Amino acid sequence: MSLNSNNIRPNLRRARRKLLLRQKIRPRVKGISFNRVIPNLLTLLGLCAGLIGIRSAIHGQFAEAAIAVLIAGCFDGLDGRIARLLRGTSRFGAELDSLADFLSFGITPSFILYMWALKDGGGYAFVPCAMFTVCMALRLARFNAALDDIDKPKYASNFFTGVPAPAGAGMVLFPIFLGLEAEKLQWDFLIDIANSQILTMITLVVVSFLLISTVPIWSFKNFKIPAAYLLPLFLGTAIYATVLVADPWGTLAFSGLLYLCSIPFSYRSFRQLKADAAALEKEADEADDQDEEDQATLTTPP
């Protein structure tokens, strides 16, 4: 029995068409995974918060300006951690983060303080603001350069070199926190102190030197919390959040002073860890020397 080729070809075409329809695959979109974009979006939101802080200061809305800087600090703390969790770290994200930090923590706070108390102080009143911004740029540049340091001892990873950028931005806003709290309490003498050019200039100069200093500052990224301290930590965090909501400006002003007072303890902790590491290294060297002597004694003929 012979097969008609004219009937076979249409059947094959229909079969092939049905097979293609069944196995039809949606075309893949070429691009970057959304997980890798999320950290950069958070960085841009922090950048926008810094710009909002500048706009608020221009219109004399200093409470909103201070809140904008704090929000930028929250975004700065989230973007890096989320990038590591989602495996979305990149060189582009690191550069974008540095530029956003310079605006939000280097330019915005100094501009806010200039509008707060220094705009009528003459040309020299601008010098501390410029000094703070320059020191913040140097601080960020040094931090980026230190990322490639592979010879950094292990214990040093628990410390920053100098005050970190977000903490510096929060500390330098102390006169505004104090002034807003004084206005809430209606204490005229405290209002005069907070609005004085002397306090603002001193705050800018002190924080500027802390930014570029080599003083080791605790970094809580790698700290391990003993199990016995977990419940007190949770309780303390809840109490702090409650007090922050009830009296935000007074709590923030006190937090800045508390952070400043913690620097000597951080320095002492760093020196202790450095001394312990040096002692362990000395013991290891002595043990190696003793092993070499023992090996030489065993190999030396009587």
C-alpha atoms as a PDB file:
ATOM      1  CA  MET A   1       0.000   0.000   0.000  1.00  0.00           C
ATOM      2  CA  SER A   2       1.528   3.324  -1.043  1.00  0.00           C
ATOM      3  CA  LEU A   3       1.260   6.619   0.887  1.00  0.00           C
ATOM      4  CA  ASN A   4       0.240   9.822  -0.779  1.00  0.00           C
ATOM      5  CA  SER A   5       2.908  12.460  -0.124  1.00  0.00           C
ATOM      6  CA  ASN A   6       0.361  15.215  -0.763  1.00  0.00           C
ATOM      7  CA  ASN A   7      -1.620  14.139   2.301  1.00  0.00           C
ATOM      8  CA  ILE A   8       1.386  13.552   4.533  1.00  0.00           C
ATOM      9  CA  ARG A   9       2.865  17.071   4.266  1.00  0.00           C
ATOM     10  CA  PRO A  10      -0.225  18.985   5.485  1.00  0.00           C
ATOM     11  CA  ASN A  11      -0.562  16.540   8.364  1.00  0.00           C
ATOM     12  CA  LEU A  12       3.050  17.092   9.347  1.00  0.00           C
ATOM     13  CA  ARG A  13       2.595  20.848   9.230  1.00  0.00           C
ATOM     14  CA  ARG A  14      -0.480  20.672  11.448  1.00  0.00           C
ATOM     15  CA  ALA A  15       1.291  18.367  13.902  1.00  0.00           C
ATOM     16  CA  ARG A  16       4.313  20.630  14.031  1.00  0.00           C
ATOM     17  CA  ARG A  17       2.081  23.677  14.563  1.00  0.00           C
ATOM     18  CA  LYS A  18       0.245  21.995  17.446  1.00  0.00           C
ATOM     19  CA  LEU A  19       3.538  20.965  19.017  1.00  0.00           C
ATOM     20  CA  LEU A  20       4.881  24.511  18.834  1.00  0.00           C
ATOM     21  CA  LEU A  21       1.695  25.882  20.368  1.00  0.00           C
ATOM     22  CA  ARG A  22       1.916  23.411  23.234  1.00  0.00           C
ATOM     23  CA  GLN A  23       5.592  24.072  23.817  1.00  0.00           C
ATOM     24  CA  LYS A  24       5.378  27.801  23.356  1.00  0.00           C
ATOM     25  CA  ILE A  25       7.734  29.526  25.802  1.00  0.00           C
ATOM     26  CA  ARG A  26       7.371  33.124  26.868  1.00  0.00           C
ATOM     27  CA  PRO A  27      10.393  35.108  25.616  1.00  0.00           C
ATOM     28  CA  ARG A  28      12.805  36.055  28.384  1.00  0.00           C
ATOM     29  CA  VAL A  29      13.349  39.705  29.133  1.00  0.00           C
ATOM     30  CA  LYS A  30      17.021  40.626  29.211  1.00  0.00           C
ATOM     31  CA  GLY A  31      18.016  42.927  32.056  1.00  0.00           C
ATOM     32  CA  ILE A  32      18.919  43.172  35.732  1.00  0.00           C
ATOM     33  CA  SER A  33      17.075  41.274  38.448  1.00  0.00           C
ATOM     34  CA  PHE A  34      14.747  43.462  40.519  1.00  0.00           C
ATOM     35  CA  ASN A  35      16.504  42.264  43.689  1.00  0.00           C
ATOM     36  CA  ARG A  36      19.652  44.054  42.534  1.00  0.00           C
ATOM     37  CA  VAL A  37      17.702  47.275  41.979  1.00  0.00           C
ATOM     38  CA  ILE A  38      16.012  47.490  45.401  1.00  0.00           C
ATOM     39  CA  PRO A  39      19.140  48.702  47.303  1.00  0.00           C
ATOM     40  CA  ASN A  40      19.769  51.417  44.716  1.00  0.00           C
ATOM     41  CA  LEU A  41      16.153  52.547  45.007  1.00  0.00           C
ATOM     42  CA  LEU A  42      16.582  52.882  48.771  1.00  0.00           C
ATOM     43  CA  THR A  43      19.758  54.897  48.198  1.00  0.00           C
ATOM     44  CA  LEU A  44      17.891  57.239  45.859  1.00  0.00           C
ATOM     45  CA  LEU A  45      15.125  57.653  48.448  1.00  0.00           C
ATOM     46  CA  GLY A  46      17.776  58.682  50.956  1.00  0.00           C
ATOM     47  CA  LEU A  47      19.148  61.158  48.415  1.00  0.00           C
ATOM     48  CA  CYS A  48      15.666  62.618  47.940  1.00  0.00           C
ATOM     49  CA  ALA A  49      15.294  62.904  51.722  1.00  0.00           C
ATOM     50  CA  GLY A  50      18.468  64.990  51.813  1.00  0.00           C
ATOM     51  CA  LEU A  51      17.110  67.281  49.102  1.00  0.00           C
ATOM     52  CA  ILE A  52      13.836  67.642  51.023  1.00  0.00           C
ATOM     53  CA  GLY A  53      15.873  68.671  54.065  1.00  0.00           C
ATOM     54  CA  ILE A  54      17.498  71.481  52.067  1.00  0.00           C
ATOM     55  CA  ARG A  55      14.114  72.642  50.760  1.00  0.00           C
ATOM     56  CA  SER A  56      12.620  72.604  54.274  1.00  0.00           C
ATOM     57  CA  ALA A  57      15.518  74.652  55.658  1.00  0.00           C
ATOM     58  CA  ILE A  58      15.054  77.287  52.942  1.00  0.00           C
ATOM     59  CA  HIS A  59      11.446  77.741  54.078  1.00  0.00           C
ATOM     60  CA  GLY A  60      12.392  77.796  57.766  1.00  0.00           C
ATOM     61  CA  GLN A  61      10.839  74.405  58.529  1.00  0.00           C
ATOM     62  CA  PHE A  62      13.705  73.130  60.655  1.00  0.00           C
ATOM     63  CA  ALA A  63      11.799  70.303  62.312  1.00  0.00           C
ATOM     64  CA  GLU A  64      10.952  68.836  58.910  1.00  0.00           C
ATOM     65  CA  ALA A  65      14.533  69.377  57.756  1.00  0.00           C
ATOM     66  CA  ALA A  66      15.949  67.485  60.742  1.00  0.00           C
ATOM     67  CA  ILE A  67      13.462  64.665  60.225  1.00  0.00           C
ATOM     68  CA  ALA A  68      14.508  64.431  56.569  1.00  0.00           C
ATOM     69  CA  VAL A  69      18.155  63.916  57.589  1.00  0.00           C
ATOM     70  CA  LEU A  70      17.108  61.230  60.063  1.00  0.00           C
ATOM     71  CA  ILE A  71      15.079  59.479  57.366  1.00  0.00           C
ATOM     72  CA  ALA A  72      18.096  59.597  55.055  1.00  0.00           C
ATOM     73  CA  GLY A  73      20.093  57.921  57.820  1.00  0.00           C
ATOM     74  CA  CYS A  74      17.492  55.150  58.065  1.00  0.00           C
ATOM     75  CA  PHE A  75      17.672  54.517  54.317  1.00  0.00           C
ATOM     76  CA  ASP A  76      21.469  54.504  54.486  1.00  0.00           C
ATOM     77  CA  GLY A  77      21.352  51.845  57.164  1.00  0.00           C
ATOM     78  CA  LEU A  78      18.952  49.701  55.163  1.00  0.00           C
ATOM     79  CA  ASP A  79      20.357  49.779  51.635  1.00  0.00           C
ATOM     80  CA  GLY A  80      23.671  48.090  52.397  1.00  0.00           C
ATOM     81  CA  ARG A  81      22.157  45.362  54.548  1.00  0.00           C
ATOM     82  CA  ILE A  82      19.410  44.609  52.040  1.00  0.00           C
ATOM     83  CA  ALA A  83      21.970  44.546  49.234  1.00  0.00           C
ATOM     84  CA  ARG A  84      23.930  41.876  51.091  1.00  0.00           C
ATOM     85  CA  LEU A  85      20.805  39.886  51.909  1.00  0.00           C
ATOM     86  CA  LEU A  86      19.564  39.959  48.309  1.00  0.00           C
ATOM     87  CA  ARG A  87      23.072  39.541  46.890  1.00  0.00           C
ATOM     88  CA  GLY A  88      22.628  42.789  45.034  1.00  0.00           C
ATOM     89  CA  THR A  89      25.932  44.444  45.887  1.00  0.00           C
ATOM     90  CA  SER A  90      27.674  46.162  42.990  1.00  0.00           C
ATOM     91  CA  ARG A  91      30.318  48.769  42.307  1.00  0.00           C
ATOM     92  CA  PHE A  92      27.649  51.084  40.900  1.00  0.00           C
ATOM     93  CA  GLY A  93      25.639  50.800  44.111  1.00  0.00           C
ATOM     94  CA  ALA A  94      28.690  51.577  46.249  1.00  0.00           C
ATOM     95  CA  GLU A  95      29.497  54.720  44.261  1.00  0.00           C
ATOM     96  CA  LEU A  96      25.865  55.845  44.290  1.00  0.00           C
ATOM     97  CA  ASP A  97      25.713  55.303  48.051  1.00  0.00           C
ATOM     98  CA  SER A  98      28.776  57.488  48.615  1.00  0.00           C
ATOM     99  CA  LEU A  99      27.375  60.314  46.497  1.00  0.00           C
ATOM    100  CA  ALA A 100      24.015  60.129  48.293  1.00  0.00           C
ATOM    101  CA  ASP A 101      25.749  60.131  51.682  1.00  0.00           C
ATOM    102  CA  PHE A 102      27.776  63.203  50.757  1.00  0.00           C
ATOM    103  CA  LEU A 103      24.633  65.141  49.915  1.00  0.00           C
ATOM    104  CA  SER A 104      22.444  63.901  52.771  1.00  0.00           C
ATOM    105  CA  PHE A 105      25.087  63.957  55.528  1.00  0.00           C
ATOM    106  CA  GLY A 106      27.692  66.396  54.229  1.00  0.00           C
ATOM    107  CA  ILE A 107      25.803  69.190  52.493  1.00  0.00           C
ATOM    108  CA  THR A 108      22.302  69.099  53.986  1.00  0.00           C
ATOM    109  CA  PRO A 109      23.209  69.344  57.721  1.00  0.00           C
ATOM    110  CA  SER A 110      25.657  72.219  57.201  1.00  0.00           C
ATOM    111  CA  PHE A 111      23.109  74.064  55.066  1.00  0.00           C
ATOM    112  CA  ILE A 112      20.394  73.543  57.691  1.00  0.00           C
ATOM    113  CA  LEU A 113      22.635  74.900  60.447  1.00  0.00           C
ATOM    114  CA  TYR A 114      23.646  77.872  58.284  1.00  0.00           C
ATOM    115  CA  MET A 115      19.990  78.769  57.826  1.00  0.00           C
ATOM    116  CA  TRP A 116      19.317  78.054  61.510  1.00  0.00           C
ATOM    117  CA  ALA A 117      21.789  80.438  63.150  1.00  0.00           C
ATOM    118  CA  LEU A 118      24.624  81.547  60.863  1.00  0.00           C
ATOM    119  CA  LYS A 119      23.046  83.249  57.861  1.00  0.00           C
ATOM    120  CA  ASP A 120      23.234  86.663  59.539  1.00  0.00           C
ATOM    121  CA  GLY A 121      26.708  86.137  60.971  1.00  0.00           C
ATOM    122  CA  GLY A 122      28.733  87.496  58.095  1.00  0.00           C
ATOM    123  CA  GLY A 123      31.214  85.821  55.789  1.00  0.00           C
ATOM    124  CA  TYR A 124      33.198  84.064  58.504  1.00  0.00           C
ATOM    125  CA  ALA A 125      30.080  82.334  59.798  1.00  0.00           C
ATOM    126  CA  PHE A 126      30.090  80.193  56.661  1.00  0.00           C
ATOM    127  CA  VAL A 127      33.582  78.816  57.382  1.00  0.00           C
ATOM    128  CA  PRO A 128      32.474  76.137  59.908  1.00  0.00           C
ATOM    129  CA  CYS A 129      29.782  74.952  57.460  1.00  0.00           C
ATOM    130  CA  ALA A 130      32.312  74.608  54.659  1.00  0.00           C
ATOM    131  CA  MET A 131      34.715  72.901  57.051  1.00  0.00           C
ATOM    132  CA  PHE A 132      32.114  70.309  58.006  1.00  0.00           C
ATOM    133  CA  THR A 133      31.264  69.552  54.372  1.00  0.00           C
ATOM    134  CA  VAL A 134      34.931  69.173  53.389  1.00  0.00           C
ATOM    135  CA  CYS A 135      35.634  66.897  56.368  1.00  0.00           C
ATOM    136  CA  MET A 136      32.613  64.767  55.481  1.00  0.00           C
ATOM    137  CA  ALA A 137      33.926  64.367  51.922  1.00  0.00           C
ATOM    138  CA  LEU A 138      37.339  63.330  53.290  1.00  0.00           C
ATOM    139  CA  ARG A 139      35.664  60.905  55.695  1.00  0.00           C
ATOM    140  CA  LEU A 140      33.713  59.192  52.918  1.00  0.00           C
ATOM    141  CA  ALA A 141      36.751  59.053  50.621  1.00  0.00           C
ATOM    142  CA  ARG A 142      38.833  57.431  53.367  1.00  0.00           C
ATOM    143  CA  PHE A 143      36.082  54.919  54.051  1.00  0.00           C
ATOM    144  CA  ASN A 144      35.912  53.910  50.384  1.00  0.00           C
ATOM    145  CA  ALA A 145      39.693  53.567  50.207  1.00  0.00           C
ATOM    146  CA  ALA A 146      39.722  51.398  53.340  1.00  0.00           C
ATOM    147  CA  LEU A 147      37.401  48.871  51.701  1.00  0.00           C
ATOM    148  CA  ASP A 148      40.350  47.551  49.682  1.00  0.00           C
ATOM    149  CA  ASP A 149      42.588  47.153  52.734  1.00  0.00           C
ATOM    150  CA  ILE A 150      43.177  43.409  53.084  1.00  0.00           C
ATOM    151  CA  ASP A 151      45.780  43.782  55.858  1.00  0.00           C
ATOM    152  CA  LYS A 152      43.274  45.155  58.367  1.00  0.00           C
ATOM    153  CA  PRO A 153      43.307  43.080  61.584  1.00  0.00           C
ATOM    154  CA  LYS A 154      40.199  41.104  62.397  1.00  0.00           C
ATOM    155  CA  TYR A 155      39.398  42.938  65.624  1.00  0.00           C
ATOM    156  CA  ALA A 156      39.453  46.281  63.759  1.00  0.00           C
ATOM    157  CA  SER A 157      36.407  45.257  61.729  1.00  0.00           C
ATOM    158  CA  ASN A 158      34.278  46.029  64.802  1.00  0.00           C
ATOM    159  CA  PHE A 159      35.308  49.688  64.738  1.00  0.00           C
ATOM    160  CA  PHE A 160      35.011  52.691  62.462  1.00  0.00           C
ATOM    161  CA  THR A 161      37.942  55.040  61.962  1.00  0.00           C
ATOM    162  CA  GLY A 162      36.424  58.310  63.057  1.00  0.00           C
ATOM    163  CA  VAL A 163      32.751  59.059  63.496  1.00  0.00           C
ATOM    164  CA  PRO A 164      30.673  57.520  60.663  1.00  0.00           C
ATOM    165  CA  ALA A 165      28.812  59.831  58.313  1.00  0.00           C
ATOM    166  CA  PRO A 166      25.209  59.246  59.541  1.00  0.00           C
ATOM    167  CA  ALA A 167      26.247  59.606  63.186  1.00  0.00           C
ATOM    168  CA  GLY A 168      28.172  62.781  62.374  1.00  0.00           C
ATOM    169  CA  ALA A 169      25.110  64.248  60.660  1.00  0.00           C
ATOM    170  CA  GLY A 170      22.973  63.424  63.688  1.00  0.00           C
ATOM    171  CA  MET A 171      25.483  64.852  66.166  1.00  0.00           C
ATOM    172  CA  VAL A 172      25.945  68.121  64.282  1.00  0.00           C
ATOM    173  CA  LEU A 173      22.190  68.783  64.406  1.00  0.00           C
ATOM    174  CA  PHE A 174      22.361  69.008  68.207  1.00  0.00           C
ATOM    175  CA  PRO A 175      21.624  72.777  68.303  1.00  0.00           C
ATOM    176  CA  ILE A 176      18.423  72.223  66.319  1.00  0.00           C
ATOM    177  CA  PHE A 177      17.303  69.351  68.541  1.00  0.00           C
ATOM    178  CA  LEU A 178      18.040  71.478  71.600  1.00  0.00           C
ATOM    179  CA  GLY A 179      16.250  74.503  70.160  1.00  0.00           C
ATOM    180  CA  LEU A 180      13.123  72.576  69.206  1.00  0.00           C
ATOM    181  CA  GLU A 181      13.003  71.010  72.666  1.00  0.00           C
ATOM    182  CA  ALA A 182      13.460  74.447  74.280  1.00  0.00           C
ATOM    183  CA  GLU A 183      10.618  75.861  72.189  1.00  0.00           C
ATOM    184  CA  LYS A 184       8.422  72.991  73.308  1.00  0.00           C
ATOM    185  CA  LEU A 185       9.257  73.627  76.973  1.00  0.00           C
ATOM    186  CA  GLN A 186       9.150  77.432  76.437  1.00  0.00           C
ATOM    187  CA  TRP A 187      12.490  77.939  78.184  1.00  0.00           C
ATOM    188  CA  ASP A 188      13.715  81.286  76.867  1.00  0.00           C
ATOM    189  CA  PHE A 189      17.292  80.970  78.158  1.00  0.00           C
ATOM    190  CA  LEU A 190      17.677  77.558  76.472  1.00  0.00           C
ATOM    191  CA  ILE A 191      16.223  78.950  73.246  1.00  0.00           C
ATOM    192  CA  ASP A 192      18.872  81.700  73.262  1.00  0.00           C
ATOM    193  CA  ILE A 193      21.639  79.138  73.789  1.00  0.00           C
ATOM    194  CA  ALA A 194      20.383  76.842  71.027  1.00  0.00           C
ATOM    195  CA  ASN A 195      20.058  79.697  68.551  1.00  0.00           C
ATOM    196  CA  SER A 196      23.437  81.217  69.364  1.00  0.00           C
ATOM    197  CA  GLN A 197      26.086  81.285  66.677  1.00  0.00           C
ATOM    198  CA  ILE A 198      28.747  80.189  69.176  1.00  0.00           C
ATOM    199  CA  LEU A 199      27.091  76.854  69.951  1.00  0.00           C
ATOM    200  CA  THR A 200      26.442  76.156  66.267  1.00  0.00           C
ATOM    201  CA  MET A 201      30.031  76.951  65.261  1.00  0.00           C
ATOM    202  CA  ILE A 202      31.502  74.884  68.095  1.00  0.00           C
ATOM    203  CA  THR A 203      29.296  71.932  67.181  1.00  0.00           C
ATOM    204  CA  LEU A 204      30.305  72.104  63.523  1.00  0.00           C
ATOM    205  CA  VAL A 205      34.027  72.337  64.305  1.00  0.00           C
ATOM    206  CA  VAL A 206      34.032  69.545  66.924  1.00  0.00           C
ATOM    207  CA  VAL A 207      32.102  67.103  64.739  1.00  0.00           C
ATOM    208  CA  SER A 208      34.306  67.989  61.743  1.00  0.00           C
ATOM    209  CA  PHE A 209      37.424  66.930  63.637  1.00  0.00           C
ATOM    210  CA  LEU A 210      35.716  63.763  64.854  1.00  0.00           C
ATOM    211  CA  LEU A 211      34.861  62.836  61.253  1.00  0.00           C
ATOM    212  CA  ILE A 212      38.467  62.944  60.036  1.00  0.00           C
ATOM    213  CA  SER A 213      40.037  61.701  63.254  1.00  0.00           C
ATOM    214  CA  THR A 214      41.582  58.258  63.615  1.00  0.00           C
ATOM    215  CA  VAL A 215      39.730  57.570  66.855  1.00  0.00           C
ATOM    216  CA  PRO A 216      38.196  54.058  66.771  1.00  0.00           C
ATOM    217  CA  ILE A 217      34.414  54.171  67.087  1.00  0.00           C
ATOM    218  CA  TRP A 218      32.268  51.163  67.827  1.00  0.00           C
ATOM    219  CA  SER A 219      30.584  49.598  64.817  1.00  0.00           C
ATOM    220  CA  PHE A 220      27.668  47.456  65.926  1.00  0.00           C
ATOM    221  CA  LYS A 221      27.474  45.511  62.651  1.00  0.00           C
ATOM    222  CA  ASN A 222      29.559  42.562  63.841  1.00  0.00           C
ATOM    223  CA  PHE A 223      28.851  42.688  67.558  1.00  0.00           C
ATOM    224  CA  LYS A 224      27.634  39.451  69.096  1.00  0.00           C
ATOM    225  CA  ILE A 225      25.112  39.836  71.893  1.00  0.00           C
ATOM    226  CA  PRO A 226      25.274  37.313  74.742  1.00  0.00           C
ATOM    227  CA  ALA A 227      22.036  35.445  75.293  1.00  0.00           C
ATOM    228  CA  ALA A 228      21.712  36.853  78.820  1.00  0.00           C
ATOM    229  CA  TYR A 229      21.527  40.415  77.430  1.00  0.00           C
ATOM    230  CA  LEU A 230      18.869  39.814  74.768  1.00  0.00           C
ATOM    231  CA  LEU A 231      15.825  40.486  76.946  1.00  0.00           C
ATOM    232  CA  PRO A 232      17.314  43.657  78.504  1.00  0.00           C
ATOM    233  CA  LEU A 233      18.204  44.817  75.002  1.00  0.00           C
ATOM    234  CA  PHE A 234      14.650  44.285  73.766  1.00  0.00           C
ATOM    235  CA  LEU A 235      13.247  46.055  76.827  1.00  0.00           C
ATOM    236  CA  GLY A 236      15.655  48.969  76.456  1.00  0.00           C
ATOM    237  CA  THR A 237      14.826  49.334  72.764  1.00  0.00           C
ATOM    238  CA  ALA A 238      11.098  49.411  73.521  1.00  0.00           C
ATOM    239  CA  ILE A 239      11.608  52.026  76.235  1.00  0.00           C
ATOM    240  CA  TYR A 240      13.792  54.150  73.936  1.00  0.00           C
ATOM    241  CA  ALA A 241      11.213  53.998  71.136  1.00  0.00           C
ATOM    242  CA  THR A 242       8.454  55.029  73.555  1.00  0.00           C
ATOM    243  CA  VAL A 243      10.454  57.957  74.892  1.00  0.00           C
ATOM    244  CA  LEU A 244      11.413  58.957  71.342  1.00  0.00           C
ATOM    245  CA  VAL A 245       7.757  59.176  70.339  1.00  0.00           C
ATOM    246  CA  ALA A 246       6.782  61.049  73.519  1.00  0.00           C
ATOM    247  CA  ASP A 247       9.666  63.548  73.420  1.00  0.00           C
ATOM    248  CA  PRO A 248      11.555  63.245  70.110  1.00  0.00           C
ATOM    249  CA  TRP A 249      13.741  66.369  70.236  1.00  0.00           C
ATOM    250  CA  GLY A 250      14.909  65.938  73.796  1.00  0.00           C
ATOM    251  CA  THR A 251      15.614  62.256  73.185  1.00  0.00           C
ATOM    252  CA  LEU A 252      17.620  62.991  70.035  1.00  0.00           C
ATOM    253  CA  ALA A 253      19.638  65.713  71.769  1.00  0.00           C
ATOM    254  CA  PHE A 254      20.407  63.377  74.666  1.00  0.00           C
ATOM    255  CA  SER A 255      21.293  60.569  72.237  1.00  0.00           C
ATOM    256  CA  GLY A 256      23.883  62.809  70.560  1.00  0.00           C
ATOM    257  CA  LEU A 257      25.493  63.614  73.901  1.00  0.00           C
ATOM    258  CA  LEU A 258      25.421  59.945  74.899  1.00  0.00           C
ATOM    259  CA  TYR A 259      27.117  58.951  71.639  1.00  0.00           C
ATOM    260  CA  LEU A 260      29.799  61.570  72.230  1.00  0.00           C
ATOM    261  CA  CYS A 261      30.394  60.250  75.742  1.00  0.00           C
ATOM    262  CA  SER A 262      30.741  56.685  74.425  1.00  0.00           C
ATOM    263  CA  ILE A 263      33.808  57.567  72.300  1.00  0.00           C
ATOM    264  CA  PRO A 264      36.340  57.245  75.178  1.00  0.00           C
ATOM    265  CA  PHE A 265      34.942  53.817  76.070  1.00  0.00           C
ATOM    266  CA  SER A 266      35.167  52.774  72.428  1.00  0.00           C
ATOM    267  CA  TYR A 267      38.807  53.886  72.332  1.00  0.00           C
ATOM    268  CA  ARG A 268      39.584  51.943  75.500  1.00  0.00           C
ATOM    269  CA  SER A 269      37.914  48.820  74.089  1.00  0.00           C
ATOM    270  CA  PHE A 270      39.963  49.106  70.891  1.00  0.00           C
ATOM    271  CA  ARG A 271      43.214  49.475  72.836  1.00  0.00           C
ATOM    272  CA  GLN A 272      42.361  46.426  74.922  1.00  0.00           C
ATOM    273  CA  LEU A 273      41.616  44.290  71.871  1.00  0.00           C
ATOM    274  CA  LYS A 274      44.797  45.498  70.204  1.00  0.00           C
ATOM    275  CA  ALA A 275      46.847  44.602  73.291  1.00  0.00           C
ATOM    276  CA  ASP A 276      45.225  41.156  73.485  1.00  0.00           C
ATOM    277  CA  ALA A 277      45.946  40.521  69.799  1.00  0.00           C
ATOM    278  CA  ALA A 278      49.568  41.606  70.258  1.00  0.00           C
ATOM    279  CA  ALA A 279      49.931  39.289  73.263  1.00  0.00           C
ATOM    280  CA  LEU A 280      48.518  36.342  71.324  1.00  0.00           C
ATOM    281  CA  GLU A 281      50.832  37.068  68.405  1.00  0.00           C
ATOM    282  CA  LYS A 282      53.824  37.228  70.757  1.00  0.00           C
ATOM    283  CA  GLU A 283      52.876  33.899  72.323  1.00  0.00           C
ATOM    284  CA  ALA A 284      52.530  32.351  68.873  1.00  0.00           C
ATOM    285  CA  ASP A 285      55.964  33.657  67.853  1.00  0.00           C
ATOM    286  CA  GLU A 286      57.518  32.320  71.040  1.00  0.00           C
ATOM    287  CA  ALA A 287      55.887  28.936  70.481  1.00  0.00           C
ATOM    288  CA  ASP A 288      57.220  28.845  66.915  1.00  0.00           C
ATOM    289  CA  ASP A 289      60.715  29.719  68.133  1.00  0.00           C
ATOM    290  CA  GLN A 290      60.521  26.972  70.757  1.00  0.00           C
ATOM    291  CA  ASP A 291      59.391  24.439  68.159  1.00  0.00           C
ATOM    292  CA  GLU A 292      62.317  25.404  65.930  1.00  0.00           C
ATOM    293  CA  GLU A 293      64.748  24.986  68.831  1.00  0.00           C
ATOM    294  CA  ASP A 294      63.277  21.587  69.704  1.00  0.00           C
ATOM    295  CA  GLN A 295      63.478  20.506  66.083  1.00  0.00           C
ATOM    296  CA  ALA A 296      67.102  21.625  65.877  1.00  0.00           C
ATOM    297  CA  THR A 297      67.935  19.722  69.067  1.00  0.00           C
ATOM    298  CA  LEU A 298      66.372  16.540  67.702  1.00  0.00           C
ATOM    299  CA  THR A 299      68.216  16.761  64.394  1.00  0.00           C
ATOM    300  CA  THR A 300      71.606  17.639  65.886  1.00  0.00           C
ATOM    301  CA  PRO A 301      73.811  14.485  66.249  1.00  0.00           C
ATOM    302  CA  PRO A 302      75.142  13.753  69.757  1.00  0.00           C
END
